[in-house]
């Protein structure tokens, strides 16, 4: 086996032994590079967020980003689809008063109609009809997504989208 492949396999095996929880990738900080984005997702969210609004964070992971917003817990709800994170959130967010709903591959949001003033979503799949259903009139949906653009353009596409209903 090629020496580079042996080193790569050794590194993969080391990472495989690390217990992964939430959405915290700090254990690989020195192993990857990321381009600077032309926007700051947190700044965009904070521009629209105020303490009186009902907030839903879709695909919250371990809640790390959500907690950094310092939004009142009683006005905060989350969805998550990965069972290990759901168990983590039951221990971490639910005791704070943050409401949790699991979400499946159908992207059905298990909250009642017109529940939220603002929905945020970083890299989580979503169903526009469901977003519209659970957003209050004049609500805001902010999502940051990663995808692939046509082959002629080659670099991955990352964008922030706003939808006002």
Foldseek 3Di string as FASTA:
>chain_A
DDPVVVVVVVVVVVVVPDDDAFPDPVVCVVPDDDDDDPDDPLVVVLVPDDQVWQEEEEQCGLVPVVVVNVHQQCSAEYEHADVRSVVNCVVPRVVSNYHYDYAYPVQADPDAFQQGQEYEYEADDHDVVNVNRNHHQQHKYKYWHWAADPVVVGDIDIDIDMDTD
